[in-house]
Amino acid sequence: MNIVSEIKARLAIDWIPTLYREKVRSQRTRSYSLNVPEKENAAEVLYTLLGIELKVGNKRFACPDLATARYLRIFARLGCDEFAVPYDITRISVIADEMETAWHRLLLVFDLATAEISAQGRGRVRSALLRGIRNELAQIGPGEAMPQFKQTTRQRH
């Protein structure tokens, strides 16, 4: 068993693509596109006079609230270009908490699994791990640009 599949097995339900499939894509969503490189990116949440922004490299993305910025930061770190965002903004905070916890748990399990590997080997395993996560998220897909709404408004049949 290679290290990437071992890490995935250890994380089980805290595997980020699993959380994305079960918690995000199972509800009404809209697609979102970040124009970030497909690699691990340093992403930070900034508090500016104009509101909250997500900074990835030299690009800044305006965010309506802190929960959305935290949610977007997960995908920016992974280098995902397109993904789904929950349409119901009240659910974003809970999902962002779970995904951030999964991200930090991923890093801890990665450190444990690669403790006896050289720095170059760790880099290769880390990039393979993140590439695998990106590929799984791409397979699940970002969904529709806008959610489908029930068109019938008649209350009588």
C-alpha atoms as a PDB file:
ATOM      1  CA  MET A   1       0.000   0.000   0.000  1.00  0.00           C
ATOM      2  CA  ASN A   2       1.490   3.361  -0.961  1.00  0.00           C
ATOM      3  CA  ILE A   3       1.598   6.306   1.424  1.00  0.00           C
ATOM      4  CA  VAL A   4      -1.159   8.318  -0.293  1.00  0.00           C
ATOM      5  CA  SER A   5      -3.708   5.508  -0.047  1.00  0.00           C
ATOM      6  CA  GLU A   6      -2.599   4.841   3.545  1.00  0.00           C
ATOM      7  CA  ILE A   7      -3.266   8.499   4.444  1.00  0.00           C
ATOM      8  CA  LYS A   8      -6.638   8.350   2.694  1.00  0.00           C
ATOM      9  CA  ALA A   9      -7.567   5.195   4.620  1.00  0.00           C
ATOM     10  CA  ARG A  10      -6.536   6.756   7.956  1.00  0.00           C
ATOM     11  CA  LEU A  11      -8.631   9.859   7.340  1.00  0.00           C
ATOM     12  CA  ALA A  12     -11.754   7.904   6.271  1.00  0.00           C
ATOM     13  CA  ILE A  13     -14.692  10.321   6.716  1.00  0.00           C
ATOM     14  CA  ASP A  14     -12.347  13.293   7.196  1.00  0.00           C
ATOM     15  CA  TRP A  15     -11.021  12.881   3.634  1.00  0.00           C
ATOM     16  CA  ILE A  16     -11.763  16.259   2.010  1.00  0.00           C
ATOM     17  CA  PRO A  17     -13.380  14.851  -1.180  1.00  0.00           C
ATOM     18  CA  THR A  18     -15.675  12.693   0.968  1.00  0.00           C
ATOM     19  CA  LEU A  19     -16.785  15.731   2.979  1.00  0.00           C
ATOM     20  CA  TYR A  20     -17.270  17.673  -0.258  1.00  0.00           C
ATOM     21  CA  ARG A  21     -19.407  14.931  -1.814  1.00  0.00           C
ATOM     22  CA  GLU A  22     -21.540  14.277   1.274  1.00  0.00           C
ATOM     23  CA  LYS A  23     -21.852  17.716   2.866  1.00  0.00           C
ATOM     24  CA  VAL A  24     -21.654  20.143  -0.062  1.00  0.00           C
ATOM     25  CA  ARG A  25     -22.760  18.466  -3.289  1.00  0.00           C
ATOM     26  CA  SER A  26     -25.677  16.703  -1.587  1.00  0.00           C
ATOM     27  CA  GLN A  27     -27.456  20.051  -1.191  1.00  0.00           C
ATOM     28  CA  ARG A  28     -28.315  22.995  -3.441  1.00  0.00           C
ATOM     29  CA  THR A  29     -25.092  24.650  -4.605  1.00  0.00           C
ATOM     30  CA  ARG A  30     -23.732  27.096  -7.120  1.00  0.00           C
ATOM     31  CA  SER A  31     -20.431  26.727  -8.912  1.00  0.00           C
ATOM     32  CA  TYR A  32     -17.570  29.044  -8.072  1.00  0.00           C
ATOM     33  CA  SER A  33     -14.363  29.592  -9.994  1.00  0.00           C
ATOM     34  CA  LEU A  34     -11.049  30.746  -8.535  1.00  0.00           C
ATOM     35  CA  ASN A  35      -8.320  31.458 -11.014  1.00  0.00           C
ATOM     36  CA  VAL A  36      -5.495  29.888  -8.987  1.00  0.00           C
ATOM     37  CA  PRO A  37      -2.622  27.625 -10.090  1.00  0.00           C
ATOM     38  CA  GLU A  38      -3.131  23.862  -9.774  1.00  0.00           C
ATOM     39  CA  LYS A  39      -0.659  23.444  -6.927  1.00  0.00           C
ATOM     40  CA  GLU A  40      -0.552  23.974  -3.206  1.00  0.00           C
ATOM     41  CA  ASN A  41      -1.074  27.683  -2.638  1.00  0.00           C
ATOM     42  CA  ALA A  42      -0.577  29.895   0.373  1.00  0.00           C
ATOM     43  CA  ALA A  43      -3.980  31.461   1.041  1.00  0.00           C
ATOM     44  CA  GLU A  44      -4.800  33.926   3.775  1.00  0.00           C
ATOM     45  CA  VAL A  45      -7.884  35.762   4.933  1.00  0.00           C
ATOM     46  CA  LEU A  46      -7.421  39.539   5.098  1.00  0.00           C
ATOM     47  CA  TYR A  47      -9.519  42.034   7.014  1.00  0.00           C
ATOM     48  CA  THR A  48      -9.537  45.284   5.024  1.00  0.00           C
ATOM     49  CA  LEU A  49     -11.448  48.540   5.207  1.00  0.00           C
ATOM     50  CA  LEU A  50     -13.645  47.283   2.376  1.00  0.00           C
ATOM     51  CA  GLY A  51     -14.460  43.977   4.065  1.00  0.00           C
ATOM     52  CA  ILE A  52     -13.021  40.474   4.084  1.00  0.00           C
ATOM     53  CA  GLU A  53     -10.782  39.283   1.267  1.00  0.00           C
ATOM     54  CA  LEU A  54      -9.015  36.055   0.400  1.00  0.00           C
ATOM     55  CA  LYS A  55      -5.455  36.554  -0.803  1.00  0.00           C
ATOM     56  CA  VAL A  56      -3.900  33.818  -2.942  1.00  0.00           C
ATOM     57  CA  GLY A  57      -0.491  34.742  -4.291  1.00  0.00           C
ATOM     58  CA  ASN A  58      -0.865  38.282  -5.618  1.00  0.00           C
ATOM     59  CA  LYS A  59      -4.627  37.934  -6.288  1.00  0.00           C
ATOM     60  CA  ARG A  60      -7.378  39.048  -3.983  1.00  0.00           C
ATOM     61  CA  PHE A  61     -10.966  37.830  -3.928  1.00  0.00           C
ATOM     62  CA  ALA A  62     -13.703  39.792  -2.156  1.00  0.00           C
ATOM     63  CA  CYS A  63     -15.779  37.649   0.193  1.00  0.00           C
ATOM     64  CA  PRO A  64     -19.168  38.502   1.688  1.00  0.00           C
ATOM     65  CA  ASP A  65     -18.298  37.099   5.125  1.00  0.00           C
ATOM     66  CA  LEU A  66     -15.650  35.260   7.126  1.00  0.00           C
ATOM     67  CA  ALA A  67     -17.260  31.833   6.724  1.00  0.00           C
ATOM     68  CA  THR A  68     -17.186  32.102   2.933  1.00  0.00           C
ATOM     69  CA  ALA A  69     -13.555  33.262   3.005  1.00  0.00           C
ATOM     70  CA  ARG A  70     -12.599  30.268   5.173  1.00  0.00           C
ATOM     71  CA  TYR A  71     -14.487  27.917   2.848  1.00  0.00           C
ATOM     72  CA  LEU A  72     -12.811  29.338  -0.269  1.00  0.00           C
ATOM     73  CA  ARG A  73      -9.398  29.169   1.424  1.00  0.00           C
ATOM     74  CA  ILE A  74      -9.610  25.359   1.596  1.00  0.00           C
ATOM     75  CA  PHE A  75      -9.989  25.090  -2.171  1.00  0.00           C
ATOM     76  CA  ALA A  76      -7.424  27.812  -2.839  1.00  0.00           C
ATOM     77  CA  ARG A  77      -4.861  25.924  -0.730  1.00  0.00           C
ATOM     78  CA  LEU A  78      -5.526  22.773  -2.734  1.00  0.00           C
ATOM     79  CA  GLY A  79      -5.298  24.614  -6.058  1.00  0.00           C
ATOM     80  CA  CYS A  80      -8.854  23.823  -7.164  1.00  0.00           C
ATOM     81  CA  ASP A  81     -10.084  26.059  -9.957  1.00  0.00           C
ATOM     82  CA  GLU A  82     -13.799  25.201  -9.930  1.00  0.00           C
ATOM     83  CA  PHE A  83     -15.897  23.887  -7.059  1.00  0.00           C
ATOM     84  CA  ALA A  84     -19.343  24.181  -5.508  1.00  0.00           C
ATOM     85  CA  VAL A  85     -20.388  26.619  -2.794  1.00  0.00           C
ATOM     86  CA  PRO A  86     -23.522  25.951  -0.724  1.00  0.00           C
ATOM     87  CA  TYR A  87     -26.348  28.223  -1.816  1.00  0.00           C
ATOM     88  CA  ASP A  88     -27.656  28.498   1.751  1.00  0.00           C
ATOM     89  CA  ILE A  89     -25.146  30.800   3.435  1.00  0.00           C
ATOM     90  CA  THR A  90     -26.125  29.600   6.911  1.00  0.00           C
ATOM     91  CA  ARG A  91     -24.544  26.205   6.156  1.00  0.00           C
ATOM     92  CA  ILE A  92     -21.181  27.504   4.925  1.00  0.00           C
ATOM     93  CA  SER A  93     -19.767  28.111   8.410  1.00  0.00           C
ATOM     94  CA  VAL A  94     -20.350  24.548   9.618  1.00  0.00           C
ATOM     95  CA  ILE A  95     -18.932  23.050   6.436  1.00  0.00           C
ATOM     96  CA  ALA A  96     -15.923  25.397   6.557  1.00  0.00           C
ATOM     97  CA  ASP A  97     -15.243  24.238  10.143  1.00  0.00           C
ATOM     98  CA  GLU A  98     -15.372  20.588   9.133  1.00  0.00           C
ATOM     99  CA  MET A  99     -13.200  21.082   6.061  1.00  0.00           C
ATOM    100  CA  GLU A 100     -10.591  23.127   7.937  1.00  0.00           C
ATOM    101  CA  THR A 101     -10.445  20.434  10.609  1.00  0.00           C
ATOM    102  CA  ALA A 102     -10.032  17.827   7.876  1.00  0.00           C
ATOM    103  CA  TRP A 103      -7.226  19.913   6.298  1.00  0.00           C
ATOM    104  CA  HIS A 104      -5.291  20.129   9.572  1.00  0.00           C
ATOM    105  CA  ARG A 105      -5.887  16.451  10.299  1.00  0.00           C
ATOM    106  CA  LEU A 106      -4.592  15.662   6.793  1.00  0.00           C
ATOM    107  CA  LEU A 107      -1.388  17.568   7.577  1.00  0.00           C
ATOM    108  CA  LEU A 108      -0.940  15.741  10.893  1.00  0.00           C
ATOM    109  CA  VAL A 109      -1.482  12.302   9.343  1.00  0.00           C
ATOM    110  CA  PHE A 110       0.863  13.261   6.505  1.00  0.00           C
ATOM    111  CA  ASP A 111       3.599  14.201   9.010  1.00  0.00           C
ATOM    112  CA  LEU A 112       3.169  10.905  10.856  1.00  0.00           C
ATOM    113  CA  ALA A 113       3.158   8.816   7.670  1.00  0.00           C
ATOM    114  CA  THR A 114       6.231  10.499   6.190  1.00  0.00           C
ATOM    115  CA  ALA A 115       8.320  10.912   9.334  1.00  0.00           C
ATOM    116  CA  GLU A 116      11.064   8.583   8.105  1.00  0.00           C
ATOM    117  CA  ILE A 117      11.243   9.861   4.521  1.00  0.00           C
ATOM    118  CA  SER A 118      13.711  12.403   3.124  1.00  0.00           C
ATOM    119  CA  ALA A 119      12.623  15.989   2.442  1.00  0.00           C
ATOM    120  CA  GLN A 120      12.492  15.329  -1.311  1.00  0.00           C
ATOM    121  CA  GLY A 121      10.400  12.218  -0.793  1.00  0.00           C
ATOM    122  CA  ARG A 122       8.036  14.134   1.493  1.00  0.00           C
ATOM    123  CA  GLY A 123       7.623  16.795  -1.194  1.00  0.00           C
ATOM    124  CA  ARG A 124       6.779  14.201  -3.828  1.00  0.00           C
ATOM    125  CA  VAL A 125       4.283  12.460  -1.543  1.00  0.00           C
ATOM    126  CA  ARG A 126       2.670  15.781  -0.554  1.00  0.00           C
ATOM    127  CA  SER A 127       2.249  16.887  -4.170  1.00  0.00           C
ATOM    128  CA  ALA A 128       0.855  13.444  -5.122  1.00  0.00           C
ATOM    129  CA  LEU A 129      -1.559  13.629  -2.172  1.00  0.00           C
ATOM    130  CA  LEU A 130      -2.834  17.082  -3.136  1.00  0.00           C
ATOM    131  CA  ARG A 131      -3.033  16.109  -6.820  1.00  0.00           C
ATOM    132  CA  GLY A 132      -5.167  13.102  -5.822  1.00  0.00           C
ATOM    133  CA  ILE A 133      -7.493  15.312  -3.786  1.00  0.00           C
ATOM    134  CA  ARG A 134      -7.783  17.797  -6.678  1.00  0.00           C
ATOM    135  CA  ASN A 135      -8.582  14.979  -9.115  1.00  0.00           C
ATOM    136  CA  GLU A 136     -11.283  13.541  -6.844  1.00  0.00           C
ATOM    137  CA  LEU A 137     -12.834  16.974  -6.353  1.00  0.00           C
ATOM    138  CA  ALA A 138     -12.790  17.542 -10.128  1.00  0.00           C
ATOM    139  CA  GLN A 139     -14.537  14.188 -10.670  1.00  0.00           C
ATOM    140  CA  ILE A 140     -17.282  15.167  -8.223  1.00  0.00           C
ATOM    141  CA  GLY A 141     -17.562  18.471 -10.090  1.00  0.00           C
ATOM    142  CA  PRO A 142     -18.677  22.003  -9.308  1.00  0.00           C
ATOM    143  CA  GLY A 143     -22.300  21.521 -10.334  1.00  0.00           C
ATOM    144  CA  GLU A 144     -24.481  24.106 -12.023  1.00  0.00           C
ATOM    145  CA  ALA A 145     -23.646  27.810 -12.177  1.00  0.00           C
ATOM    146  CA  MET A 146     -26.958  28.547 -10.483  1.00  0.00           C
ATOM    147  CA  PRO A 147     -29.109  26.071  -8.531  1.00  0.00           C
ATOM    148  CA  GLN A 148     -32.318  24.746  -9.979  1.00  0.00           C
ATOM    149  CA  PHE A 149     -35.424  26.210  -8.417  1.00  0.00           C
ATOM    150  CA  LYS A 150     -38.877  24.708  -8.426  1.00  0.00           C
ATOM    151  CA  GLN A 151     -40.734  26.626 -11.127  1.00  0.00           C
ATOM    152  CA  THR A 152     -44.281  25.754 -10.108  1.00  0.00           C
ATOM    153  CA  THR A 153     -45.704  28.263  -7.679  1.00  0.00           C
ATOM    154  CA  ARG A 154     -49.326  27.242  -7.773  1.00  0.00           C
ATOM    155  CA  GLN A 155     -50.621  26.062  -4.457  1.00  0.00           C
ATOM    156  CA  ARG A 156     -53.813  24.529  -5.831  1.00  0.00           C
ATOM    157  CA  HIS A 157     -53.824  21.465  -8.041  1.00  0.00           C
END
